[in-house]
PDB file of N, CA and C in Angstrom:
ATOM      1  N   MET A   1      55.611 -50.059  -4.048  1.00  0.00           N
ATOM      2  CA  MET A   1      56.647 -50.618  -3.204  1.00  0.00           C
ATOM      3  C   MET A   1      57.941 -49.871  -3.497  1.00  0.00           C
ATOM      4  N   GLN A   2      58.588 -49.406  -2.436  1.00  0.00           N
ATOM      5  CA  GLN A   2      59.875 -48.739  -2.570  1.00  0.00           C
ATOM      6  C   GLN A   2      60.875 -49.394  -1.635  1.00  0.00           C
ATOM      7  N   PHE A   3      62.065 -49.644  -2.159  1.00  0.00           N
ATOM      8  CA  PHE A   3      63.156 -50.191  -1.365  1.00  0.00           C
ATOM      9  C   PHE A   3      64.435 -49.978  -2.157  1.00  0.00           C
ATOM     10  N   ALA A   4      65.563 -50.245  -1.532  1.00  0.00           N
ATOM     11  CA  ALA A   4      66.853 -50.107  -2.208  1.00  0.00           C
ATOM     12  C   ALA A   4      67.752 -51.281  -1.877  1.00  0.00           C
ATOM     13  N   VAL A   5      68.554 -51.678  -2.839  1.00  0.00           N
ATOM     14  CA  VAL A   5      69.569 -52.715  -2.659  1.00  0.00           C
ATOM     15  C   VAL A   5      70.914 -52.066  -2.976  1.00  0.00           C
ATOM     16  N   LEU A   6      71.824 -52.073  -2.002  1.00  0.00           N
ATOM     17  CA  LEU A   6      73.131 -51.446  -2.166  1.00  0.00           C
ATOM     18  C   LEU A   6      74.242 -52.457  -1.935  1.00  0.00           C
ATOM     19  N   GLY A   7      75.240 -52.435  -2.783  1.00  0.00           N
ATOM     20  CA  GLY A   7      76.429 -53.253  -2.607  1.00  0.00           C
ATOM     21  C   GLY A   7      77.661 -52.379  -2.656  1.00  0.00           C
ATOM     22  N   TYR A   8      78.546 -52.522  -1.691  1.00  0.00           N
ATOM     23  CA  TYR A   8      79.785 -51.750  -1.627  1.00  0.00           C
ATOM     24  C   TYR A   8      79.533 -50.251  -1.617  1.00  0.00           C
ATOM     25  N   ALA A   9      78.463 -49.830  -1.037  1.00  0.00           N
ATOM     26  CA  ALA A   9      78.047 -48.431  -1.126  1.00  0.00           C
ATOM     27  C   ALA A   9      78.916 -47.489  -0.302  1.00  0.00           C
ATOM     28  N   ILE A  10      79.274 -46.377  -0.900  1.00  0.00           N
ATOM     29  CA  ILE A  10      79.906 -45.286  -0.169  1.00  0.00           C
ATOM     30  C   ILE A  10      78.751 -44.505   0.448  1.00  0.00           C
ATOM     31  N   THR A  11      78.601 -44.623   1.747  1.00  0.00           N
ATOM     32  CA  THR A  11      77.442 -44.008   2.407  1.00  0.00           C
ATOM     33  C   THR A  11      77.800 -42.805   3.251  1.00  0.00           C
ATOM     34  N   SER A  12      79.081 -42.496   3.361  1.00  0.00           N
ATOM     35  CA  SER A  12      79.482 -41.361   4.187  1.00  0.00           C
ATOM     36  C   SER A  12      80.594 -40.572   3.511  1.00  0.00           C
ATOM     37  N   MET A  13      80.384 -39.282   3.421  1.00  0.00           N
ATOM     38  CA  MET A  13      81.436 -38.385   2.942  1.00  0.00           C
ATOM     39  C   MET A  13      82.180 -37.761   4.116  1.00  0.00           C
ATOM     40  N   GLU A  14      81.771 -38.128   5.325  1.00  0.00           N
ATOM     41  CA  GLU A  14      82.402 -37.575   6.519  1.00  0.00           C
ATOM     42  C   GLU A  14      83.605 -38.382   6.981  1.00  0.00           C
ATOM     43  N   THR A  15      83.636 -39.636   6.666  1.00  0.00           N
ATOM     44  CA  THR A  15      84.722 -40.489   7.116  1.00  0.00           C
ATOM     45  C   THR A  15      85.936 -40.345   6.205  1.00  0.00           C
ATOM     46  N   GLU A  16      87.087 -40.512   6.760  1.00  0.00           N
ATOM     47  CA  GLU A  16      88.326 -40.471   5.981  1.00  0.00           C
ATOM     48  C   GLU A  16      88.641 -41.833   5.367  1.00  0.00           C
ATOM     49  N   THR A  17      87.789 -42.806   5.602  1.00  0.00           N
ATOM     50  CA  THR A  17      88.120 -44.159   5.180  1.00  0.00           C
ATOM     51  C   THR A  17      88.143 -44.334   3.674  1.00  0.00           C
ATOM     52  N   TYR A  18      87.473 -43.484   2.930  1.00  0.00           N
ATOM     53  CA  TYR A  18      87.563 -43.576   1.474  1.00  0.00           C
ATOM     54  C   TYR A  18      87.647 -42.180   0.872  1.00  0.00           C
ATOM     55  N   ARG A  19      88.740 -41.523   1.179  1.00  0.00           N
ATOM     56  CA  ARG A  19      88.972 -40.146   0.774  1.00  0.00           C
ATOM     57  C   ARG A  19      88.969 -39.945  -0.743  1.00  0.00           C
ATOM     58  N   PRO A  20      89.508 -40.871  -1.574  1.00  0.00           N
ATOM     59  CA  PRO A  20      89.517 -40.634  -3.022  1.00  0.00           C
ATOM     60  C   PRO A  20      88.120 -40.374  -3.603  1.00  0.00           C
ATOM     61  N   ALA A  21      87.137 -41.121  -3.192  1.00  0.00           N
ATOM     62  CA  ALA A  21      85.781 -40.896  -3.712  1.00  0.00           C
ATOM     63  C   ALA A  21      85.262 -39.536  -3.285  1.00  0.00           C
ATOM     64  N   ARG A  22      85.524 -39.181  -2.058  1.00  0.00           N
ATOM     65  CA  ARG A  22      85.071 -37.873  -1.572  1.00  0.00           C
ATOM     66  C   ARG A  22      85.705 -36.755  -2.391  1.00  0.00           C
ATOM     67  N   LEU A  23      86.985 -36.893  -2.687  1.00  0.00           N
ATOM     68  CA  LEU A  23      87.682 -35.877  -3.471  1.00  0.00           C
ATOM     69  C   LEU A  23      87.116 -35.779  -4.886  1.00  0.00           C
ATOM     70  N   ILE A  24      86.844 -36.896  -5.505  1.00  0.00           N
ATOM     71  CA  ILE A  24      86.291 -36.918  -6.864  1.00  0.00           C
ATOM     72  C   ILE A  24      84.899 -36.289  -6.882  1.00  0.00           C
ATOM     73  N   LEU A  25      84.078 -36.639  -5.913  1.00  0.00           N
ATOM     74  CA  LEU A  25      82.688 -36.189  -5.908  1.00  0.00           C
ATOM     75  C   LEU A  25      82.489 -34.783  -5.348  1.00  0.00           C
ATOM     76  N   LEU A  26      83.262 -34.414  -4.350  1.00  0.00           N
ATOM     77  CA  LEU A  26      83.031 -33.138  -3.667  1.00  0.00           C
ATOM     78  C   LEU A  26      84.177 -32.141  -3.792  1.00  0.00           C
ATOM     79  N   GLY A  27      85.342 -32.595  -4.232  1.00  0.00           N
ATOM     80  CA  GLY A  27      86.489 -31.711  -4.330  1.00  0.00           C
ATOM     81  C   GLY A  27      87.312 -31.706  -3.058  1.00  0.00           C
ATOM     82  N   ASP A  28      88.477 -31.123  -3.159  1.00  0.00           N
ATOM     83  CA  ASP A  28      89.440 -31.136  -2.059  1.00  0.00           C
ATOM     84  C   ASP A  28      89.051 -30.222  -0.904  1.00  0.00           C
ATOM     85  N   ASP A  29      88.235 -29.218  -1.173  1.00  0.00           N
ATOM     86  CA  ASP A  29      87.923 -28.238  -0.138  1.00  0.00           C
ATOM     87  C   ASP A  29      86.476 -28.311   0.347  1.00  0.00           C
ATOM     88  N   ALA A  30      85.880 -29.504   0.293  1.00  0.00           N
ATOM     89  CA  ALA A  30      84.493 -29.667   0.745  1.00  0.00           C
ATOM     90  C   ALA A  30      84.376 -29.334   2.230  1.00  0.00           C
ATOM     91  N   SER A  31      83.430 -28.498   2.546  1.00  0.00           N
ATOM     92  CA  SER A  31      83.224 -28.098   3.937  1.00  0.00           C
ATOM     93  C   SER A  31      82.624 -29.255   4.739  1.00  0.00           C
ATOM     94  N   PRO A  32      82.798 -29.236   6.041  1.00  0.00           N
ATOM     95  CA  PRO A  32      82.145 -30.257   6.869  1.00  0.00           C
ATOM     96  C   PRO A  32      80.629 -30.278   6.648  1.00  0.00           C
ATOM     97  N   ARG A  33      80.028 -29.123   6.438  1.00  0.00           N
ATOM     98  CA  ARG A  33      78.575 -29.056   6.196  1.00  0.00           C
ATOM     99  C   ARG A  33      78.208 -29.781   4.897  1.00  0.00           C
ATOM    100  N   LEU A  34      78.949 -29.531   3.817  1.00  0.00           N
ATOM    101  CA  LEU A  34      78.684 -30.212   2.556  1.00  0.00           C
ATOM    102  C   LEU A  34      78.903 -31.708   2.691  1.00  0.00           C
ATOM    103  N   ARG A  35      79.965 -32.089   3.388  1.00  0.00           N
ATOM    104  CA  ARG A  35      80.224 -33.515   3.597  1.00  0.00           C
ATOM    105  C   ARG A  35      79.061 -34.165   4.340  1.00  0.00           C
ATOM    106  N   ARG A  36      78.515 -33.489   5.348  1.00  0.00           N
ATOM    107  CA  ARG A  36      77.377 -34.013   6.108  1.00  0.00           C
ATOM    108  C   ARG A  36      76.133 -34.096   5.235  1.00  0.00           C
ATOM    109  N   LEU A  37      75.878 -33.059   4.435  1.00  0.00           N
ATOM    110  CA  LEU A  37      74.679 -33.003   3.589  1.00  0.00           C
ATOM    111  C   LEU A  37      74.687 -34.030   2.462  1.00  0.00           C
ATOM    112  N   THR A  38      75.865 -34.585   2.152  1.00  0.00           N
ATOM    113  CA  THR A  38      75.973 -35.572   1.082  1.00  0.00           C
ATOM    114  C   THR A  38      76.297 -36.971   1.612  1.00  0.00           C
ATOM    115  N   SER A  39      76.097 -37.185   2.884  1.00  0.00           N
ATOM    116  CA  SER A  39      76.324 -38.497   3.496  1.00  0.00           C
ATOM    117  C   SER A  39      74.992 -39.202   3.697  1.00  0.00           C
ATOM    118  N   LEU A  40      74.822 -40.320   3.004  1.00  0.00           N
ATOM    119  CA  LEU A  40      73.565 -41.054   3.086  1.00  0.00           C
ATOM    120  C   LEU A  40      73.226 -41.444   4.520  1.00  0.00           C
ATOM    121  N   ASP A  41      74.230 -41.817   5.302  1.00  0.00           N
ATOM    122  CA  ASP A  41      73.957 -42.219   6.683  1.00  0.00           C
ATOM    123  C   ASP A  41      73.404 -41.062   7.513  1.00  0.00           C
ATOM    124  N   ALA A  42      73.674 -39.830   7.122  1.00  0.00           N
ATOM    125  CA  ALA A  42      73.151 -38.662   7.841  1.00  0.00           C
ATOM    126  C   ALA A  42      71.765 -38.254   7.347  1.00  0.00           C
ATOM    127  N   LEU A  43      71.325 -38.835   6.243  1.00  0.00           N
ATOM    128  CA  LEU A  43      70.041 -38.466   5.641  1.00  0.00           C
ATOM    129  C   LEU A  43      68.913 -39.442   5.960  1.00  0.00           C
ATOM    130  N   VAL A  44      69.217 -40.489   6.690  1.00  0.00           N
ATOM    131  CA  VAL A  44      68.200 -41.484   7.039  1.00  0.00           C
ATOM    132  C   VAL A  44      67.174 -40.866   7.987  1.00  0.00           C
ATOM    133  N   THR A  45      65.904 -41.118   7.692  1.00  0.00           N
ATOM    134  CA  THR A  45      64.802 -40.701   8.561  1.00  0.00           C
ATOM    135  C   THR A  45      63.865 -41.888   8.730  1.00  0.00           C
ATOM    136  N   PRO A  46      62.928 -41.819   9.670  1.00  0.00           N
ATOM    137  CA  PRO A  46      61.974 -42.922   9.814  1.00  0.00           C
ATOM    138  C   PRO A  46      61.152 -43.192   8.550  1.00  0.00           C
ATOM    139  N   SER A  47      61.093 -42.241   7.629  1.00  0.00           N
ATOM    140  CA  SER A  47      60.334 -42.459   6.394  1.00  0.00           C
ATOM    141  C   SER A  47      61.207 -42.956   5.236  1.00  0.00           C
ATOM    142  N   SER A  48      62.480 -43.240   5.511  1.00  0.00           N
ATOM    143  CA  SER A  48      63.348 -43.800   4.469  1.00  0.00           C
ATOM    144  C   SER A  48      62.823 -45.176   4.064  1.00  0.00           C
ATOM    145  N   PRO A  49      63.057 -45.563   2.819  1.00  0.00           N
ATOM    146  CA  PRO A  49      62.590 -46.884   2.384  1.00  0.00           C
ATOM    147  C   PRO A  49      63.426 -47.997   3.007  1.00  0.00           C
ATOM    148  N   PRO A  50      62.938 -49.209   3.000  1.00  0.00           N
ATOM    149  CA  PRO A  50      63.746 -50.342   3.465  1.00  0.00           C
ATOM    150  C   PRO A  50      64.998 -50.511   2.594  1.00  0.00           C
ATOM    151  N   PHE A  51      66.060 -51.012   3.206  1.00  0.00           N
ATOM    152  CA  PHE A  51      67.328 -51.215   2.500  1.00  0.00           C
ATOM    153  C   PHE A  51      67.850 -52.623   2.705  1.00  0.00           C
ATOM    154  N   PHE A  52      68.401 -53.183   1.652  1.00  0.00           N
ATOM    155  CA  PHE A  52      69.197 -54.406   1.700  1.00  0.00           C
ATOM    156  C   PHE A  52      70.608 -53.950   1.349  1.00  0.00           C
ATOM    157  N   VAL A  53      71.559 -54.199   2.233  1.00  0.00           N
ATOM    158  CA  VAL A  53      72.926 -53.721   2.034  1.00  0.00           C
ATOM    159  C   VAL A  53      73.886 -54.896   2.170  1.00  0.00           C
ATOM    160  N   TRP A  54      74.808 -55.012   1.227  1.00  0.00           N
ATOM    161  CA  TRP A  54      75.819 -56.066   1.334  1.00  0.00           C
ATOM    162  C   TRP A  54      77.196 -55.512   1.008  1.00  0.00           C
ATOM    163  N   HIS A  55      78.206 -56.186   1.527  1.00  0.00           N
ATOM    164  CA  HIS A  55      79.582 -55.719   1.430  1.00  0.00           C
ATOM    165  C   HIS A  55      80.500 -56.917   1.671  1.00  0.00           C
ATOM    166  N   THR A  56      81.779 -56.753   1.426  1.00  0.00           N
ATOM    167  CA  THR A  56      82.750 -57.761   1.856  1.00  0.00           C
ATOM    168  C   THR A  56      83.751 -57.086   2.791  1.00  0.00           C
ATOM    169  N   ALA A  57      84.165 -57.819   3.787  1.00  0.00           N
ATOM    170  CA  ALA A  57      85.085 -57.274   4.787  1.00  0.00           C
ATOM    171  C   ALA A  57      86.465 -56.983   4.201  1.00  0.00           C
ATOM    172  N   GLU A  58      86.816 -57.643   3.115  1.00  0.00           N
ATOM    173  CA  GLU A  58      88.135 -57.458   2.502  1.00  0.00           C
ATOM    174  C   GLU A  58      88.177 -56.349   1.453  1.00  0.00           C
ATOM    175  N   ASP A  59      87.094 -55.671   1.226  1.00  0.00           N
ATOM    176  CA  ASP A  59      87.038 -54.640   0.184  1.00  0.00           C
ATOM    177  C   ASP A  59      88.142 -53.602   0.411  1.00  0.00           C
ATOM    178  N   PRO A  60      89.107 -53.494  -0.506  1.00  0.00           N
ATOM    179  CA  PRO A  60      90.195 -52.534  -0.307  1.00  0.00           C
ATOM    180  C   PRO A  60      89.842 -51.097  -0.706  1.00  0.00           C
ATOM    181  N   TYR A  61      88.725 -50.906  -1.400  1.00  0.00           N
ATOM    182  CA  TYR A  61      88.372 -49.584  -1.901  1.00  0.00           C
ATOM    183  C   TYR A  61      87.326 -48.873  -1.059  1.00  0.00           C
ATOM    184  N   VAL A  62      86.289 -49.593  -0.694  1.00  0.00           N
ATOM    185  CA  VAL A  62      85.234 -49.029   0.161  1.00  0.00           C
ATOM    186  C   VAL A  62      85.178 -49.887   1.419  1.00  0.00           C
ATOM    187  N   PRO A  63      85.760 -49.423   2.506  1.00  0.00           N
ATOM    188  CA  PRO A  63      85.783 -50.224   3.732  1.00  0.00           C
ATOM    189  C   PRO A  63      84.369 -50.528   4.238  1.00  0.00           C
ATOM    190  N   PRO A  64      84.194 -51.671   4.857  1.00  0.00           N
ATOM    191  CA  PRO A  64      82.868 -52.038   5.360  1.00  0.00           C
ATOM    192  C   PRO A  64      82.344 -51.081   6.426  1.00  0.00           C
ATOM    193  N   GLU A  65      83.198 -50.198   6.938  1.00  0.00           N
ATOM    194  CA  GLU A  65      82.739 -49.191   7.888  1.00  0.00           C
ATOM    195  C   GLU A  65      81.551 -48.408   7.328  1.00  0.00           C
ATOM    196  N   HIS A  66      81.528 -48.197   6.011  1.00  0.00           N
ATOM    197  CA  HIS A  66      80.408 -47.486   5.386  1.00  0.00           C
ATOM    198  C   HIS A  66      79.102 -48.243   5.613  1.00  0.00           C
ATOM    199  N   THR A  67      79.137 -49.537   5.433  1.00  0.00           N
ATOM    200  CA  THR A  67      77.942 -50.354   5.649  1.00  0.00           C
ATOM    201  C   THR A  67      77.546 -50.357   7.118  1.00  0.00           C
ATOM    202  N   TYR A  68      78.509 -50.473   8.008  1.00  0.00           N
ATOM    203  CA  TYR A  68      78.196 -50.487   9.442  1.00  0.00           C
ATOM    204  C   TYR A  68      77.585 -49.158   9.891  1.00  0.00           C
ATOM    205  N   ARG A  69      78.156 -48.049   9.448  1.00  0.00           N
ATOM    206  CA  ARG A  69      77.614 -46.719   9.808  1.00  0.00           C
ATOM    207  C   ARG A  69      76.184 -46.559   9.289  1.00  0.00           C
ATOM    208  N   PHE A  70      75.983 -46.986   8.042  1.00  0.00           N
ATOM    209  CA  PHE A  70      74.664 -46.855   7.439  1.00  0.00           C
ATOM    210  C   PHE A  70      73.657 -47.748   8.164  1.00  0.00           C
ATOM    211  N   ALA A  71      74.045 -48.965   8.481  1.00  0.00           N
ATOM    212  CA  ALA A  71      73.155 -49.872   9.212  1.00  0.00           C
ATOM    213  C   ALA A  71      72.779 -49.287  10.575  1.00  0.00           C
ATOM    214  N   ALA A  72      73.737 -48.676  11.249  1.00  0.00           N
ATOM    215  CA  ALA A  72      73.446 -48.057  12.545  1.00  0.00           C
ATOM    216  C   ALA A  72      72.439 -46.921  12.391  1.00  0.00           C
ATOM    217  N   ALA A  73      72.570 -46.133  11.330  1.00  0.00           N
ATOM    218  CA  ALA A  73      71.621 -45.042  11.085  1.00  0.00           C
ATOM    219  C   ALA A  73      70.232 -45.593  10.777  1.00  0.00           C
ATOM    220  N   LEU A  74      70.166 -46.658   9.988  1.00  0.00           N
ATOM    221  CA  LEU A  74      68.869 -47.282   9.693  1.00  0.00           C
ATOM    222  C   LEU A  74      68.229 -47.815  10.967  1.00  0.00           C
ATOM    223  N   ALA A  75      69.007 -48.484  11.787  1.00  0.00           N
ATOM    224  CA  ALA A  75      68.482 -49.036  13.039  1.00  0.00           C
ATOM    225  C   ALA A  75      68.005 -47.923  13.968  1.00  0.00           C
ATOM    226  N   ALA A  76      68.763 -46.844  14.056  1.00  0.00           N
ATOM    227  CA  ALA A  76      68.388 -45.732  14.936  1.00  0.00           C
ATOM    228  C   ALA A  76      67.071 -45.103  14.523  1.00  0.00           C
ATOM    229  N   SER A  77      66.785 -45.126  13.220  1.00  0.00           N
ATOM    230  CA  SER A  77      65.518 -44.563  12.722  1.00  0.00           C
ATOM    231  C   SER A  77      64.440 -45.623  12.535  1.00  0.00           C
ATOM    232  N   ARG A  78      64.755 -46.834  12.954  1.00  0.00           N
ATOM    233  CA  ARG A  78      63.806 -47.951  12.854  1.00  0.00           C
ATOM    234  C   ARG A  78      63.336 -48.205  11.419  1.00  0.00           C
ATOM    235  N   VAL A  79      64.271 -48.079  10.488  1.00  0.00           N
ATOM    236  CA  VAL A  79      63.992 -48.362   9.087  1.00  0.00           C
ATOM    237  C   VAL A  79      64.261 -49.846   8.848  1.00  0.00           C
ATOM    238  N   PRO A  80      63.314 -50.564   8.265  1.00  0.00           N
ATOM    239  CA  PRO A  80      63.551 -51.987   7.975  1.00  0.00           C
ATOM    240  C   PRO A  80      64.779 -52.146   7.073  1.00  0.00           C
ATOM    241  N   HIS A  81      65.619 -53.111   7.427  1.00  0.00           N
ATOM    242  CA  HIS A  81      66.827 -53.319   6.642  1.00  0.00           C
ATOM    243  C   HIS A  81      67.395 -54.709   6.883  1.00  0.00           C
ATOM    244  N   ALA A  82      68.205 -55.135   5.924  1.00  0.00           N
ATOM    245  CA  ALA A  82      68.997 -56.355   6.059  1.00  0.00           C
ATOM    246  C   ALA A  82      70.419 -55.980   5.682  1.00  0.00           C
ATOM    247  N   VAL A  83      71.383 -56.471   6.441  1.00  0.00           N
ATOM    248  CA  VAL A  83      72.789 -56.153   6.200  1.00  0.00           C
ATOM    249  C   VAL A  83      73.591 -57.448   6.205  1.00  0.00           C
ATOM    250  N   HIS A  84      74.404 -57.607   5.179  1.00  0.00           N
ATOM    251  CA  HIS A  84      75.252 -58.792   5.076  1.00  0.00           C
ATOM    252  C   HIS A  84      76.679 -58.346   4.730  1.00  0.00           C
ATOM    253  N   VAL A  85      77.612 -58.683   5.589  1.00  0.00           N
ATOM    254  CA  VAL A  85      79.023 -58.415   5.324  1.00  0.00           C
ATOM    255  C   VAL A  85      79.710 -59.778   5.260  1.00  0.00           C
ATOM    256  N   PHE A  86      80.176 -60.114   4.090  1.00  0.00           N
ATOM    257  CA  PHE A  86      80.815 -61.403   3.873  1.00  0.00           C
ATOM    258  C   PHE A  86      82.316 -61.283   4.147  1.00  0.00           C
ATOM    259  N   ALA A  87      82.890 -62.317   4.739  1.00  0.00           N
ATOM    260  CA  ALA A  87      84.285 -62.266   5.173  1.00  0.00           C
ATOM    261  C   ALA A  87      85.267 -62.069   4.023  1.00  0.00           C
ATOM    262  N   HIS A  88      85.005 -62.673   2.883  1.00  0.00           N
ATOM    263  CA  HIS A  88      85.985 -62.655   1.796  1.00  0.00           C
ATOM    264  C   HIS A  88      85.383 -62.124   0.505  1.00  0.00           C
ATOM    265  N   GLY A  89      86.248 -61.505  -0.264  1.00  0.00           N
ATOM    266  CA  GLY A  89      85.857 -61.024  -1.582  1.00  0.00           C
ATOM    267  C   GLY A  89      86.338 -59.610  -1.822  1.00  0.00           C
ATOM    268  N   PRO A  90      86.813 -59.351  -3.035  1.00  0.00           N
ATOM    269  CA  PRO A  90      87.288 -58.019  -3.387  1.00  0.00           C
ATOM    270  C   PRO A  90      86.118 -57.092  -3.717  1.00  0.00           C
ATOM    271  N   HIS A  91      86.432 -55.860  -3.997  1.00  0.00           N
ATOM    272  CA  HIS A  91      85.424 -54.893  -4.428  1.00  0.00           C
ATOM    273  C   HIS A  91      84.959 -55.244  -5.845  1.00  0.00           C
ATOM    274  N   GLY A  92      83.687 -55.034  -6.106  1.00  0.00           N
ATOM    275  CA  GLY A  92      83.174 -55.179  -7.460  1.00  0.00           C
ATOM    276  C   GLY A  92      82.855 -56.595  -7.880  1.00  0.00           C
ATOM    277  N   LEU A  93      82.342 -57.409  -6.990  1.00  0.00           N
ATOM    278  CA  LEU A  93      82.011 -58.793  -7.345  1.00  0.00           C
ATOM    279  C   LEU A  93      80.782 -58.901  -8.240  1.00  0.00           C
ATOM    280  N   GLY A  94      79.990 -57.867  -8.338  1.00  0.00           N
ATOM    281  CA  GLY A  94      78.772 -57.950  -9.140  1.00  0.00           C
ATOM    282  C   GLY A  94      77.849 -59.009  -8.583  1.00  0.00           C
ATOM    283  N   LEU A  95      77.441 -59.931  -9.421  1.00  0.00           N
ATOM    284  CA  LEU A  95      76.550 -61.010  -8.970  1.00  0.00           C
ATOM    285  C   LEU A  95      77.291 -62.051  -8.138  1.00  0.00           C
ATOM    286  N   ALA A  96      78.602 -61.984  -8.107  1.00  0.00           N
ATOM    287  CA  ALA A  96      79.466 -62.813  -7.246  1.00  0.00           C
ATOM    288  C   ALA A  96      79.373 -64.306  -7.523  1.00  0.00           C
ATOM    289  N   ARG A  97      79.033 -64.670  -8.724  1.00  0.00           N
ATOM    290  CA  ARG A  97      78.979 -66.105  -9.063  1.00  0.00           C
ATOM    291  C   ARG A  97      80.360 -66.723  -8.881  1.00  0.00           C
ATOM    292  N   GLY A  98      80.428 -67.818  -8.143  1.00  0.00           N
ATOM    293  CA  GLY A  98      81.692 -68.506  -7.900  1.00  0.00           C
ATOM    294  C   GLY A  98      82.624 -67.768  -6.960  1.00  0.00           C
ATOM    295  N   ALA A  99      82.078 -66.861  -6.154  1.00  0.00           N
ATOM    296  CA  ALA A  99      82.916 -66.040  -5.271  1.00  0.00           C
ATOM    297  C   ALA A  99      82.833 -66.477  -3.818  1.00  0.00           C
ATOM    298  N   GLY A 100      82.706 -67.761  -3.572  1.00  0.00           N
ATOM    299  CA  GLY A 100      82.660 -68.249  -2.192  1.00  0.00           C
ATOM    300  C   GLY A 100      81.380 -67.829  -1.485  1.00  0.00           C
ATOM    301  N   GLY A 101      81.505 -67.504  -0.200  1.00  0.00           N
ATOM    302  CA  GLY A 101      80.339 -67.171   0.619  1.00  0.00           C
ATOM    303  C   GLY A 101      79.548 -65.981   0.117  1.00  0.00           C
ATOM    304  N   ALA A 102      80.214 -65.020  -0.530  1.00  0.00           N
ATOM    305  CA  ALA A 102      79.520 -63.832  -1.025  1.00  0.00           C
ATOM    306  C   ALA A 102      78.569 -64.155  -2.172  1.00  0.00           C
ATOM    307  N   ALA A 103      78.742 -65.316  -2.792  1.00  0.00           N
ATOM    308  CA  ALA A 103      77.895 -65.697  -3.925  1.00  0.00           C
ATOM    309  C   ALA A 103      76.428 -65.803  -3.541  1.00  0.00           C
ATOM    310  N   ILE A 104      76.143 -65.932  -2.290  1.00  0.00           N
ATOM    311  CA  ILE A 104      74.760 -66.080  -1.841  1.00  0.00           C
ATOM    312  C   ILE A 104      74.012 -64.744  -1.739  1.00  0.00           C
ATOM    313  N   TRP A 105      74.701 -63.627  -1.941  1.00  0.00           N
ATOM    314  CA  TRP A 105      74.040 -62.336  -1.728  1.00  0.00           C
ATOM    315  C   TRP A 105      72.802 -62.176  -2.607  1.00  0.00           C
ATOM    316  N   THR A 106      72.844 -62.676  -3.851  1.00  0.00           N
ATOM    317  CA  THR A 106      71.681 -62.499  -4.729  1.00  0.00           C
ATOM    318  C   THR A 106      70.488 -63.323  -4.250  1.00  0.00           C
ATOM    319  N   THR A 107      70.742 -64.498  -3.709  1.00  0.00           N
ATOM    320  CA  THR A 107      69.668 -65.327  -3.155  1.00  0.00           C
ATOM    321  C   THR A 107      69.061 -64.650  -1.934  1.00  0.00           C
ATOM    322  N   LEU A 108      69.914 -64.104  -1.077  1.00  0.00           N
ATOM    323  CA  LEU A 108      69.425 -63.384   0.102  1.00  0.00           C
ATOM    324  C   LEU A 108      68.628 -62.147  -0.306  1.00  0.00           C
ATOM    325  N   ALA A 109      69.118 -61.425  -1.300  1.00  0.00           N
ATOM    326  CA  ALA A 109      68.421 -60.221  -1.770  1.00  0.00           C
ATOM    327  C   ALA A 109      67.076 -60.586  -2.383  1.00  0.00           C
ATOM    328  N   GLN A 110      67.031 -61.652  -3.136  1.00  0.00           N
ATOM    329  CA  GLN A 110      65.777 -62.080  -3.755  1.00  0.00           C
ATOM    330  C   GLN A 110      64.732 -62.409  -2.690  1.00  0.00           C
ATOM    331  N   ALA A 111      65.134 -63.132  -1.665  1.00  0.00           N
ATOM    332  CA  ALA A 111      64.195 -63.468  -0.577  1.00  0.00           C
ATOM    333  C   ALA A 111      63.745 -62.204   0.143  1.00  0.00           C
ATOM    334  N   TRP A 112      64.652 -61.272   0.364  1.00  0.00           N
ATOM    335  CA  TRP A 112      64.320 -60.021   1.041  1.00  0.00           C
ATOM    336  C   TRP A 112      63.359 -59.183   0.201  1.00  0.00           C
ATOM    337  N   ILE A 113      63.591 -59.113  -1.107  1.00  0.00           N
ATOM    338  CA  ILE A 113      62.700 -58.363  -1.993  1.00  0.00           C
ATOM    339  C   ILE A 113      61.301 -58.974  -1.981  1.00  0.00           C
ATOM    340  N   ARG A 114      61.232 -60.286  -2.032  1.00  0.00           N
ATOM    341  CA  ARG A 114      59.910 -60.947  -1.953  1.00  0.00           C
ATOM    342  C   ARG A 114      59.215 -60.586  -0.632  1.00  0.00           C
ATOM    343  N   GLU A 115      59.972 -60.541   0.449  1.00  0.00           N
ATOM    344  CA  GLU A 115      59.412 -60.177   1.748  1.00  0.00           C
ATOM    345  C   GLU A 115      58.872 -58.747   1.733  1.00  0.00           C
ATOM    346  N   GLN A 116      59.586 -57.845   1.068  1.00  0.00           N
ATOM    347  CA  GLN A 116      59.139 -56.456   0.971  1.00  0.00           C
ATOM    348  C   GLN A 116      57.854 -56.347   0.165  1.00  0.00           C
ATOM    349  N   ALA A 117      57.716 -57.209  -0.848  1.00  0.00           N
ATOM    350  CA  ALA A 117      56.564 -57.169  -1.732  1.00  0.00           C
ATOM    351  C   ALA A 117      55.324 -57.808  -1.105  1.00  0.00           C
ATOM    352  N   SER A 118      55.526 -58.621  -0.087  1.00  0.00           N
ATOM    353  CA  SER A 118      54.401 -59.299   0.564  1.00  0.00           C
ATOM    354  C   SER A 118      53.769 -58.367   1.602  1.00  0.00           C
ATOM    355  N   PRO A 119      52.450 -58.265   1.586  1.00  0.00           N
ATOM    356  CA  PRO A 119      51.804 -57.451   2.615  1.00  0.00           C
ATOM    357  C   PRO A 119      51.996 -58.067   3.993  1.00  0.00           C
ATOM    358  N   PRO A 120      52.173 -57.227   5.033  1.00  0.00           N
ATOM    359  CA  PRO A 120      52.347 -57.761   6.385  1.00  0.00           C
ATOM    360  C   PRO A 120      51.111 -58.556   6.830  1.00  0.00           C
ATOM    361  N   GLY A 121      51.394 -59.523   7.672  1.00  0.00           N
ATOM    362  CA  GLY A 121      50.299 -60.288   8.258  1.00  0.00           C
ATOM    363  C   GLY A 121      50.137 -61.555   7.612  1.00  0.00           C
TER     364      GLY A 121
END
């Protein structure tokens, strides 16, 4: 069984929405080609594993646009996925215990993982 669970993921090096991470990881003079080759949303194929992705809309460091772009790429390739963007919460909630609505992400992820582990039918 292969799958991935991502929270607050930087999935695109092409967007300007989180330039500091791009600069740290790729440098100031990264070519458009390198930025494309290192963007997870550009690497999705129909054989990509299923993904569970969660984020908060208030994240000041990694905008939820990363999650939306990645979800669109997964959908376009018909890759099984679940996406949850919670209205409130800062970046780095971890397990999010006591963090309002986002606190449910671990319960949702657990149910999704069990679903991935169950054979279809």
